[in-house]
Amino acid sequence: SSGAVAVGSSVYGTGAGRERILLDEIKCNGTESSLFHCDFSIFY
């Protein structure tokens, strides 16, 4: 489905620890098959 919504951490909580962020500042056009195909500023 094309229906999708992003929600903040207050809905499903935060992950364990603060050193587990894999991707940040992701920019997609919406047609990609994976977030790894989008632009992003930080990996790991």
All heavy atoms as atom14 arrays in JSON, in Angstrom:
{
  "sequence": "SSGAVAVGSSVYGTGAGRERILLDEIKCNGTESSLFHCDFSIFY",
  "atom14_mask": [
    [1, 1, 1, 1, 1, 1, 0, 0, 0, 0, 0, 0, 0, 0],
    [1, 1, 1, 1, 1, 1, 0, 0, 0, 0, 0, 0, 0, 0],
    [1, 1, 1, 1, 0, 0, 0, 0, 0, 0, 0, 0, 0, 0],
    [1, 1, 1, 1, 1, 0, 0, 0, 0, 0, 0, 0, 0, 0],
    [1, 1, 1, 1, 1, 1, 1, 0, 0, 0, 0, 0, 0, 0],
    [1, 1, 1, 1, 1, 0, 0, 0, 0, 0, 0, 0, 0, 0],
    [1, 1, 1, 1, 1, 1, 1, 0, 0, 0, 0, 0, 0, 0],
    [1, 1, 1, 1, 0, 0, 0, 0, 0, 0, 0, 0, 0, 0],
    [1, 1, 1, 1, 1, 1, 0, 0, 0, 0, 0, 0, 0, 0],
    [1, 1, 1, 1, 1, 1, 0, 0, 0, 0, 0, 0, 0, 0],
    [1, 1, 1, 1, 1, 1, 1, 0, 0, 0, 0, 0, 0, 0],
    [1, 1, 1, 1, 1, 1, 1, 1, 1, 1, 1, 1, 0, 0],
    [1, 1, 1, 1, 0, 0, 0, 0, 0, 0, 0, 0, 0, 0],
    [1, 1, 1, 1, 1, 1, 1, 0, 0, 0, 0, 0, 0, 0],
    [1, 1, 1, 1, 0, 0, 0, 0, 0, 0, 0, 0, 0, 0],
    [1, 1, 1, 1, 1, 0, 0, 0, 0, 0, 0, 0, 0, 0],
    [1, 1, 1, 1, 0, 0, 0, 0, 0, 0, 0, 0, 0, 0],
    [1, 1, 1, 1, 1, 1, 1, 1, 1, 1, 1, 0, 0, 0],
    [1, 1, 1, 1, 1, 1, 1, 1, 1, 0, 0, 0, 0, 0],
    [1, 1, 1, 1, 1, 1, 1, 1, 1, 1, 1, 0, 0, 0],
    [1, 1, 1, 1, 1, 1, 1, 1, 0, 0, 0, 0, 0, 0],
    [1, 1, 1, 1, 1, 1, 1, 1, 0, 0, 0, 0, 0, 0],
    [1, 1, 1, 1, 1, 1, 1, 1, 0, 0, 0, 0, 0, 0],
    [1, 1, 1, 1, 1, 1, 1, 1, 0, 0, 0, 0, 0, 0],
    [1, 1, 1, 1, 1, 1, 1, 1, 1, 0, 0, 0, 0, 0],
    [1, 1, 1, 1, 1, 1, 1, 1, 0, 0, 0, 0, 0, 0],
    [1, 1, 1, 1, 1, 1, 1, 1, 1, 0, 0, 0, 0, 0],
    [1, 1, 1, 1, 1, 1, 0, 0, 0, 0, 0, 0, 0, 0],
    [1, 1, 1, 1, 1, 1, 1, 1, 0, 0, 0, 0, 0, 0],
    [1, 1, 1, 1, 0, 0, 0, 0, 0, 0, 0, 0, 0, 0],
    [1, 1, 1, 1, 1, 1, 1, 0, 0, 0, 0, 0, 0, 0],
    [1, 1, 1, 1, 1, 1, 1, 1, 1, 0, 0, 0, 0, 0],
    [1, 1, 1, 1, 1, 1, 0, 0, 0, 0, 0, 0, 0, 0],
    [1, 1, 1, 1, 1, 1, 0, 0, 0, 0, 0, 0, 0, 0],
    [1, 1, 1, 1, 1, 1, 1, 1, 0, 0, 0, 0, 0, 0],
    [1, 1, 1, 1, 1, 1, 1, 1, 1, 1, 1, 0, 0, 0],
    [1, 1, 1, 1, 1, 1, 1, 1, 1, 1, 0, 0, 0, 0],
    [1, 1, 1, 1, 1, 1, 0, 0, 0, 0, 0, 0, 0, 0],
    [1, 1, 1, 1, 1, 1, 1, 1, 0, 0, 0, 0, 0, 0],
    [1, 1, 1, 1, 1, 1, 1, 1, 1, 1, 1, 0, 0, 0],
    [1, 1, 1, 1, 1, 1, 0, 0, 0, 0, 0, 0, 0, 0],
    [1, 1, 1, 1, 1, 1, 1, 1, 0, 0, 0, 0, 0, 0],
    [1, 1, 1, 1, 1, 1, 1, 1, 1, 1, 1, 0, 0, 0],
    [1, 1, 1, 1, 1, 1, 1, 1, 1, 1, 1, 1, 0, 0]
  ],
  "atom14_positions": [
    [[0.83, -1.2, 0.0], [0.0, 0.0, 0.0], [0.86, 1.25, 0.0], [1.96, 1.28, 0.55], [-0.92, 0.02, 1.22], [-1.59, 1.25, 1.33], [0.0, 0.0, 0.0], [0.0, 0.0, 0.0], [0.0, 0.0, 0.0], [0.0, 0.0, 0.0], [0.0, 0.0, 0.0], [0.0, 0.0, 0.0], [0.0, 0.0, 0.0], [0.0, 0.0, 0.0]],
    [[0.33, 2.31, -0.65], [1.03, 3.59, -0.64], [0.72, 4.38, 0.63], [1.28, 5.44, 0.85], [0.62, 4.43, -1.86], [-0.77, 4.68, -1.84], [0.0, 0.0, 0.0], [0.0, 0.0, 0.0], [0.0, 0.0, 0.0], [0.0, 0.0, 0.0], [0.0, 0.0, 0.0], [0.0, 0.0, 0.0], [0.0, 0.0, 0.0], [0.0, 0.0, 0.0]],
    [[-0.17, 3.86, 1.45], [-0.52, 4.55, 2.69], [0.48, 4.23, 3.79], [0.64, 3.08, 4.21], [0.0, 0.0, 0.0], [0.0, 0.0, 0.0], [0.0, 0.0, 0.0], [0.0, 0.0, 0.0], [0.0, 0.0, 0.0], [0.0, 0.0, 0.0], [0.0, 0.0, 0.0], [0.0, 0.0, 0.0], [0.0, 0.0, 0.0], [0.0, 0.0, 0.0]],
    [[1.21, 5.22, 4.24], [2.19, 5.04, 5.31], [2.36, 6.35, 6.05], [2.3, 7.43, 5.45], [3.53, 4.57, 4.74], [0.0, 0.0, 0.0], [0.0, 0.0, 0.0], [0.0, 0.0, 0.0], [0.0, 0.0, 0.0], [0.0, 0.0, 0.0], [0.0, 0.0, 0.0], [0.0, 0.0, 0.0], [0.0, 0.0, 0.0], [0.0, 0.0, 0.0]],
    [[2.59, 6.26, 7.35], [2.73, 7.45, 8.18], [3.94, 7.29, 9.09], [4.16, 6.21, 9.65], [1.47, 7.67, 9.06], [1.65, 8.87, 9.97], [0.24, 7.86, 8.19], [0.0, 0.0, 0.0], [0.0, 0.0, 0.0], [0.0, 0.0, 0.0], [0.0, 0.0, 0.0], [0.0, 0.0, 0.0], [0.0, 0.0, 0.0], [0.0, 0.0, 0.0]],
    [[4.73, 8.35, 9.22], [5.83, 8.37, 10.17], [5.35, 8.93, 11.49], [4.59, 9.9, 11.51], [6.98, 9.22, 9.62], [0.0, 0.0, 0.0], [0.0, 0.0, 0.0], [0.0, 0.0, 0.0], [0.0, 0.0, 0.0], [0.0, 0.0, 0.0], [0.0, 0.0, 0.0], [0.0, 0.0, 0.0], [0.0, 0.0, 0.0], [0.0, 0.0, 0.0]],
    [[5.77, 8.34, 12.6], [5.35, 8.8, 13.93], [6.56, 8.97, 14.82], [7.6, 8.33, 14.63], [4.34, 7.82, 14.58], [3.06, 7.74, 13.76], [4.94, 6.43, 14.73], [0.0, 0.0, 0.0], [0.0, 0.0, 0.0], [0.0, 0.0, 0.0], [0.0, 0.0, 0.0], [0.0, 0.0, 0.0], [0.0, 0.0, 0.0], [0.0, 0.0, 0.0]],
    [[6.44, 9.84, 15.82], [7.54, 10.1, 16.74], [7.75, 9.0, 17.75], [6.94, 8.07, 17.89], [0.0, 0.0, 0.0], [0.0, 0.0, 0.0], [0.0, 0.0, 0.0], [0.0, 0.0, 0.0], [0.0, 0.0, 0.0], [0.0, 0.0, 0.0], [0.0, 0.0, 0.0], [0.0, 0.0, 0.0], [0.0, 0.0, 0.0], [0.0, 0.0, 0.0]],
    [[8.83, 9.11, 18.51], [9.2, 8.06, 19.45], [8.23, 7.94, 20.62], [8.25, 6.95, 21.34], [10.62, 8.32, 19.98], [10.69, 9.58, 20.63], [0.0, 0.0, 0.0], [0.0, 0.0, 0.0], [0.0, 0.0, 0.0], [0.0, 0.0, 0.0], [0.0, 0.0, 0.0], [0.0, 0.0, 0.0], [0.0, 0.0, 0.0], [0.0, 0.0, 0.0]],
    [[7.36, 8.95, 20.81], [6.41, 8.88, 21.92], [5.35, 7.81, 21.68], [4.66, 7.4, 22.62], [5.72, 10.23, 22.11], [4.95, 10.58, 20.97], [0.0, 0.0, 0.0], [0.0, 0.0, 0.0], [0.0, 0.0, 0.0], [0.0, 0.0, 0.0], [0.0, 0.0, 0.0], [0.0, 0.0, 0.0], [0.0, 0.0, 0.0], [0.0, 0.0, 0.0]],
    [[5.22, 7.32, 20.45], [4.18, 6.33, 20.13], [4.66, 4.91, 20.43], [3.97, 4.14, 21.12], [3.75, 6.45, 18.66], [2.68, 5.41, 18.32], [3.22, 7.86, 18.38], [0.0, 0.0, 0.0], [0.0, 0.0, 0.0], [0.0, 0.0, 0.0], [0.0, 0.0, 0.0], [0.0, 0.0, 0.0], [0.0, 0.0, 0.0], [0.0, 0.0, 0.0]],
    [[5.83, 4.55, 19.96], [6.32, 3.18, 20.14], [7.59, 3.1, 20.99], [8.21, 2.04, 21.09], [6.58, 2.53, 18.77], [5.34, 2.4, 17.92], [5.2, 3.16, 16.75], [4.3, 1.55, 18.28], [4.06, 3.05, 15.97], [3.16, 1.44, 17.5], [3.05, 2.2, 16.35], [1.91, 2.08, 15.58], [0.0, 0.0, 0.0], [0.0, 0.0, 0.0]],
    [[7.98, 4.21, 21.59], [9.13, 4.21, 22.47], [10.45, 4.28, 21.72], [10.51, 4.3, 20.49], [0.0, 0.0, 0.0], [0.0, 0.0, 0.0], [0.0, 0.0, 0.0], [0.0, 0.0, 0.0], [0.0, 0.0, 0.0], [0.0, 0.0, 0.0], [0.0, 0.0, 0.0], [0.0, 0.0, 0.0], [0.0, 0.0, 0.0], [0.0, 0.0, 0.0]],
    [[11.54, 4.33, 22.48], [12.89, 4.41, 21.91], [13.57, 3.06, 22.05], [13.25, 2.25, 22.9], [13.72, 5.48, 22.63], [13.77, 5.19, 24.03], [13.1, 6.85, 22.44], [0.0, 0.0, 0.0], [0.0, 0.0, 0.0], [0.0, 0.0, 0.0], [0.0, 0.0, 0.0], [0.0, 0.0, 0.0], [0.0, 0.0, 0.0], [0.0, 0.0, 0.0]],
    [[14.56, 2.83, 21.18], [15.33, 1.61, 21.23], [16.29, 1.6, 22.4], [16.46, 2.6, 23.11], [0.0, 0.0, 0.0], [0.0, 0.0, 0.0], [0.0, 0.0, 0.0], [0.0, 0.0, 0.0], [0.0, 0.0, 0.0], [0.0, 0.0, 0.0], [0.0, 0.0, 0.0], [0.0, 0.0, 0.0], [0.0, 0.0, 0.0], [0.0, 0.0, 0.0]],
    [[16.95, 0.47, 22.6], [17.88, 0.33, 23.72], [19.18, 1.05, 23.41], [19.77, 0.87, 22.36], [18.14, -1.15, 24.0], [0.0, 0.0, 0.0], [0.0, 0.0, 0.0], [0.0, 0.0, 0.0], [0.0, 0.0, 0.0], [0.0, 0.0, 0.0], [0.0, 0.0, 0.0], [0.0, 0.0, 0.0], [0.0, 0.0, 0.0], [0.0, 0.0, 0.0]],
    [[19.61, 1.9, 24.35], [20.89, 2.58, 24.2], [20.83, 3.75, 23.25], [19.87, 3.95, 22.51], [0.0, 0.0, 0.0], [0.0, 0.0, 0.0], [0.0, 0.0, 0.0], [0.0, 0.0, 0.0], [0.0, 0.0, 0.0], [0.0, 0.0, 0.0], [0.0, 0.0, 0.0], [0.0, 0.0, 0.0], [0.0, 0.0, 0.0], [0.0, 0.0, 0.0]],
    [[21.86, 4.56, 23.27], [21.92, 5.74, 22.42], [22.94, 5.57, 21.3], [23.22, 6.51, 20.58], [22.27, 6.97, 23.25], [21.14, 7.38, 24.2], [21.48, 8.69, 24.86], [20.36, 9.19, 25.65], [20.36, 10.36, 26.28], [21.42, 11.14, 26.2], [19.32, 10.74, 26.97], [0.0, 0.0, 0.0], [0.0, 0.0, 0.0], [0.0, 0.0, 0.0]],
    [[23.56, 4.41, 21.19], [24.58, 4.21, 20.17], [24.11, 3.2, 19.14], [24.89, 2.5, 18.55], [25.88, 3.76, 20.83], [26.45, 4.79, 21.79], [27.76, 4.33, 22.39], [28.17, 3.19, 22.11], [28.37, 5.12, 23.13], [0.0, 0.0, 0.0], [0.0, 0.0, 0.0], [0.0, 0.0, 0.0], [0.0, 0.0, 0.0], [0.0, 0.0, 0.0]],
    [[22.79, 3.18, 18.89], [22.23, 2.2, 17.97], [21.63, 2.85, 16.74], [20.98, 2.18, 15.94], [21.16, 1.38, 18.68], [21.7, 0.51, 19.81], [20.54, -0.11, 20.57], [19.65, -0.82, 19.67], [19.54, -2.14, 19.62], [20.29, -2.88, 20.41], [18.7, -2.72, 18.8], [0.0, 0.0, 0.0], [0.0, 0.0, 0.0], [0.0, 0.0, 0.0]],
    [[21.8, 4.17, 16.56], [21.25, 4.84, 15.39], [22.01, 4.39, 14.14], [23.23, 4.52, 14.06], [21.34, 6.36, 15.53], [20.46, 6.84, 16.68], [20.93, 7.04, 14.23], [18.98, 6.72, 16.42], [0.0, 0.0, 0.0], [0.0, 0.0, 0.0], [0.0, 0.0, 0.0], [0.0, 0.0, 0.0], [0.0, 0.0, 0.0], [0.0, 0.0, 0.0]],
    [[21.29, 3.86, 13.17], [21.93, 3.4, 11.94], [21.86, 4.45, 10.84], [22.84, 4.7, 10.14], [21.27, 2.11, 11.46], [21.88, 1.48, 10.21], [23.31, 1.03, 10.48], [21.04, 0.33, 9.71], [0.0, 0.0, 0.0], [0.0, 0.0, 0.0], [0.0, 0.0, 0.0], [0.0, 0.0, 0.0], [0.0, 0.0, 0.0], [0.0, 0.0, 0.0]],
    [[20.69, 5.1, 10.66], [20.49, 6.07, 9.6], [19.94, 7.37, 10.15], [19.1, 7.34, 11.06], [19.54, 5.51, 8.53], [19.99, 4.27, 7.77], [18.87, 3.76, 6.89], [21.24, 4.55, 6.94], [0.0, 0.0, 0.0], [0.0, 0.0, 0.0], [0.0, 0.0, 0.0], [0.0, 0.0, 0.0], [0.0, 0.0, 0.0], [0.0, 0.0, 0.0]],
    [[20.37, 8.49, 9.58], [19.89, 9.8, 10.01], [19.72, 10.7, 8.79], [20.41, 10.54, 7.78], [20.89, 10.43, 10.99], [20.45, 11.79, 11.48], [19.24, 11.98, 11.68], [21.3, 12.67, 11.67], [0.0, 0.0, 0.0], [0.0, 0.0, 0.0], [0.0, 0.0, 0.0], [0.0, 0.0, 0.0], [0.0, 0.0, 0.0], [0.0, 0.0, 0.0]],
    [[18.78, 11.67, 8.91], [18.53, 12.65, 7.85], [18.33, 11.98, 6.49], [18.96, 12.33, 5.5], [19.67, 13.68, 7.79], [19.75, 14.53, 9.05], [20.83, 15.59, 8.97], [21.51, 15.64, 7.93], [20.99, 16.34, 9.93], [0.0, 0.0, 0.0], [0.0, 0.0, 0.0], [0.0, 0.0, 0.0], [0.0, 0.0, 0.0], [0.0, 0.0, 0.0]],
    [[17.4, 11.02, 6.48], [17.12, 10.29, 5.24], [16.24, 11.14, 4.33], [15.28, 11.77, 4.78], [16.41, 8.96, 5.57], [17.27, 8.13, 6.53], [16.13, 8.16, 4.3], [16.59, 6.88, 7.02], [0.0, 0.0, 0.0], [0.0, 0.0, 0.0], [0.0, 0.0, 0.0], [0.0, 0.0, 0.0], [0.0, 0.0, 0.0], [0.0, 0.0, 0.0]],
    [[16.55, 11.17, 3.05], [15.76, 11.88, 2.05], [15.44, 10.92, 0.91], [16.34, 10.51, 0.18], [16.54, 13.09, 1.51], [16.86, 14.17, 2.53], [15.66, 15.03, 2.83], [16.03, 16.15, 3.81], [17.02, 17.09, 3.25], [0.0, 0.0, 0.0], [0.0, 0.0, 0.0], [0.0, 0.0, 0.0], [0.0, 0.0, 0.0], [0.0, 0.0, 0.0]],
    [[14.16, 10.56, 0.77], [13.72, 9.66, -0.3], [12.79, 10.4, -1.24], [12.19, 11.42, -0.87], [12.98, 8.46, 0.28], [13.89, 7.51, 1.53], [0.0, 0.0, 0.0], [0.0, 0.0, 0.0], [0.0, 0.0, 0.0], [0.0, 0.0, 0.0], [0.0, 0.0, 0.0], [0.0, 0.0, 0.0], [0.0, 0.0, 0.0], [0.0, 0.0, 0.0]],
    [[12.63, 9.88, -2.45], [11.6, 10.43, -3.33], [10.31, 9.64, -3.21], [9.29, 10.02, -3.79], [12.08, 10.49, -4.78], [12.45, 9.12, -5.34], [11.83, 8.12, -5.01], [13.46, 9.09, -6.2], [0.0, 0.0, 0.0], [0.0, 0.0, 0.0], [0.0, 0.0, 0.0], [0.0, 0.0, 0.0], [0.0, 0.0, 0.0], [0.0, 0.0, 0.0]],
    [[10.35, 8.53, -2.49], [9.15, 7.75, -2.21], [8.97, 6.53, -3.08], [8.1, 5.69, -2.81], [0.0, 0.0, 0.0], [0.0, 0.0, 0.0], [0.0, 0.0, 0.0], [0.0, 0.0, 0.0], [0.0, 0.0, 0.0], [0.0, 0.0, 0.0], [0.0, 0.0, 0.0], [0.0, 0.0, 0.0], [0.0, 0.0, 0.0], [0.0, 0.0, 0.0]],
    [[9.79, 6.4, -4.12], [9.66, 5.27, -5.04], [10.72, 4.2, -4.82], [10.66, 3.13, -5.44], [9.75, 5.75, -6.49], [11.05, 6.36, -6.7], [8.66, 6.77, -6.8], [0.0, 0.0, 0.0], [0.0, 0.0, 0.0], [0.0, 0.0, 0.0], [0.0, 0.0, 0.0], [0.0, 0.0, 0.0], [0.0, 0.0, 0.0], [0.0, 0.0, 0.0]],
    [[11.68, 4.45, -3.94], [12.76, 3.48, -3.72], [12.24, 2.19, -3.1], [11.22, 2.17, -2.42], [13.84, 4.08, -2.82], [14.54, 5.31, -3.37], [13.84, 6.61, -3.03], [12.69, 6.55, -2.53], [14.43, 7.68, -3.27], [0.0, 0.0, 0.0], [0.0, 0.0, 0.0], [0.0, 0.0, 0.0], [0.0, 0.0, 0.0], [0.0, 0.0, 0.0]],
    [[12.98, 1.11, -3.31], [12.61, -0.18, -2.72], [13.23, -0.39, -1.35], [12.83, -1.29, -0.61], [13.02, -1.33, -3.65], [14.43, -1.3, -3.88], [0.0, 0.0, 0.0], [0.0, 0.0, 0.0], [0.0, 0.0, 0.0], [0.0, 0.0, 0.0], [0.0, 0.0, 0.0], [0.0, 0.0, 0.0], [0.0, 0.0, 0.0], [0.0, 0.0, 0.0]],
    [[14.21, 0.45, -0.99], [14.89, 0.33, 0.29], [15.38, 1.69, 0.75], [15.73, 2.54, -0.07], [16.08, -0.63, 0.17], [16.9, -0.59, 1.34], [0.0, 0.0, 0.0], [0.0, 0.0, 0.0], [0.0, 0.0, 0.0], [0.0, 0.0, 0.0], [0.0, 0.0, 0.0], [0.0, 0.0, 0.0], [0.0, 0.0, 0.0], [0.0, 0.0, 0.0]],
    [[15.41, 1.9, 2.06], [15.95, 3.14, 2.6], [17.42, 3.31, 2.24], [17.94, 4.42, 2.21], [15.78, 3.17, 4.13], [14.35, 3.31, 4.66], [14.33, 3.16, 6.17], [13.75, 4.65, 4.26], [0.0, 0.0, 0.0], [0.0, 0.0, 0.0], [0.0, 0.0, 0.0], [0.0, 0.0, 0.0], [0.0, 0.0, 0.0], [0.0, 0.0, 0.0]],
    [[18.09, 2.2, 1.98], [19.51, 2.26, 1.63], [19.72, 2.9, 0.27], [20.83, 3.33, -0.06], [20.11, 0.85, 1.67], [21.6, 0.84, 1.78], [22.22, 1.37, 2.9], [22.4, 0.3, 0.78], [23.6, 1.36, 3.02], [23.78, 0.3, 0.88], [24.38, 0.83, 2.01], [0.0, 0.0, 0.0], [0.0, 0.0, 0.0], [0.0, 0.0, 0.0]],
    [[18.66, 2.99, -0.54], [18.75, 3.63, -1.85], [18.49, 5.13, -1.76], [18.62, 5.83, -2.77], [17.74, 3.0, -2.81], [17.99, 1.54, -3.07], [17.02, 0.69, -3.55], [19.11, 0.78, -2.9], [17.52, -0.52, -3.67], [18.78, -0.5, -3.29], [0.0, 0.0, 0.0], [0.0, 0.0, 0.0], [0.0, 0.0, 0.0], [0.0, 0.0, 0.0]],
    [[18.09, 5.61, -0.61], [17.82, 7.04, -0.41], [19.09, 7.77, -0.02], [20.11, 7.15, 0.3], [16.75, 7.23, 0.67], [15.2, 6.34, 0.38], [0.0, 0.0, 0.0], [0.0, 0.0, 0.0], [0.0, 0.0, 0.0], [0.0, 0.0, 0.0], [0.0, 0.0, 0.0], [0.0, 0.0, 0.0], [0.0, 0.0, 0.0], [0.0, 0.0, 0.0]],
    [[19.04, 9.08, -0.01], [20.16, 9.86, 0.52], [20.06, 9.92, 2.04], [18.98, 10.04, 2.59], [20.12, 11.29, -0.05], [20.48, 11.32, -1.51], [21.32, 10.49, -1.93], [19.94, 12.15, -2.25], [0.0, 0.0, 0.0], [0.0, 0.0, 0.0], [0.0, 0.0, 0.0], [0.0, 0.0, 0.0], [0.0, 0.0, 0.0], [0.0, 0.0, 0.0]],
    [[21.17, 9.86, 2.71], [21.2, 10.01, 4.16], [22.56, 10.53, 4.57], [23.55, 10.39, 3.84], [20.88, 8.69, 4.87], [21.66, 7.51, 4.37], [22.94, 7.24, 4.82], [21.11, 6.66, 3.42], [23.65, 6.16, 4.36], [21.81, 5.57, 2.94], [23.09, 5.32, 3.41], [0.0, 0.0, 0.0], [0.0, 0.0, 0.0], [0.0, 0.0, 0.0]],
    [[22.6, 11.17, 5.74], [23.83, 11.85, 6.14], [24.73, 10.98, 7.01], [25.94, 11.17, 7.04], [23.52, 13.14, 6.9], [22.91, 12.86, 8.14], [0.0, 0.0, 0.0], [0.0, 0.0, 0.0], [0.0, 0.0, 0.0], [0.0, 0.0, 0.0], [0.0, 0.0, 0.0], [0.0, 0.0, 0.0], [0.0, 0.0, 0.0], [0.0, 0.0, 0.0]],
    [[24.16, 10.04, 7.73], [24.95, 9.26, 8.69], [24.6, 7.79, 8.55], [23.44, 7.42, 8.45], [24.68, 9.72, 10.14], [25.17, 11.16, 10.33], [25.35, 8.8, 11.15], [24.81, 11.75, 11.66], [0.0, 0.0, 0.0], [0.0, 0.0, 0.0], [0.0, 0.0, 0.0], [0.0, 0.0, 0.0], [0.0, 0.0, 0.0], [0.0, 0.0, 0.0]],
    [[25.61, 6.97, 8.53], [25.41, 5.53, 8.51], [26.2, 4.93, 9.67], [27.41, 5.14, 9.78], [25.9, 4.95, 7.17], [25.66, 3.48, 7.01], [24.36, 2.99, 6.99], [26.72, 2.6, 6.88], [24.14, 1.63, 6.83], [26.49, 1.25, 6.72], [25.2, 0.76, 6.7], [0.0, 0.0, 0.0], [0.0, 0.0, 0.0], [0.0, 0.0, 0.0]],
    [[25.5, 4.23, 10.55], [26.15, 3.6, 11.69], [26.7, 4.65, 12.65], [27.9, 4.79, 12.86], [27.26, 2.67, 11.21], [27.71, 1.64, 12.22], [26.82, 1.12, 13.16], [29.03, 1.19, 12.24], [27.24, 0.18, 14.07], [29.46, 0.25, 13.15], [28.57, -0.25, 14.08], [28.97, -1.18, 14.99], [0.0, 0.0, 0.0], [0.0, 0.0, 0.0]]
  ]
}
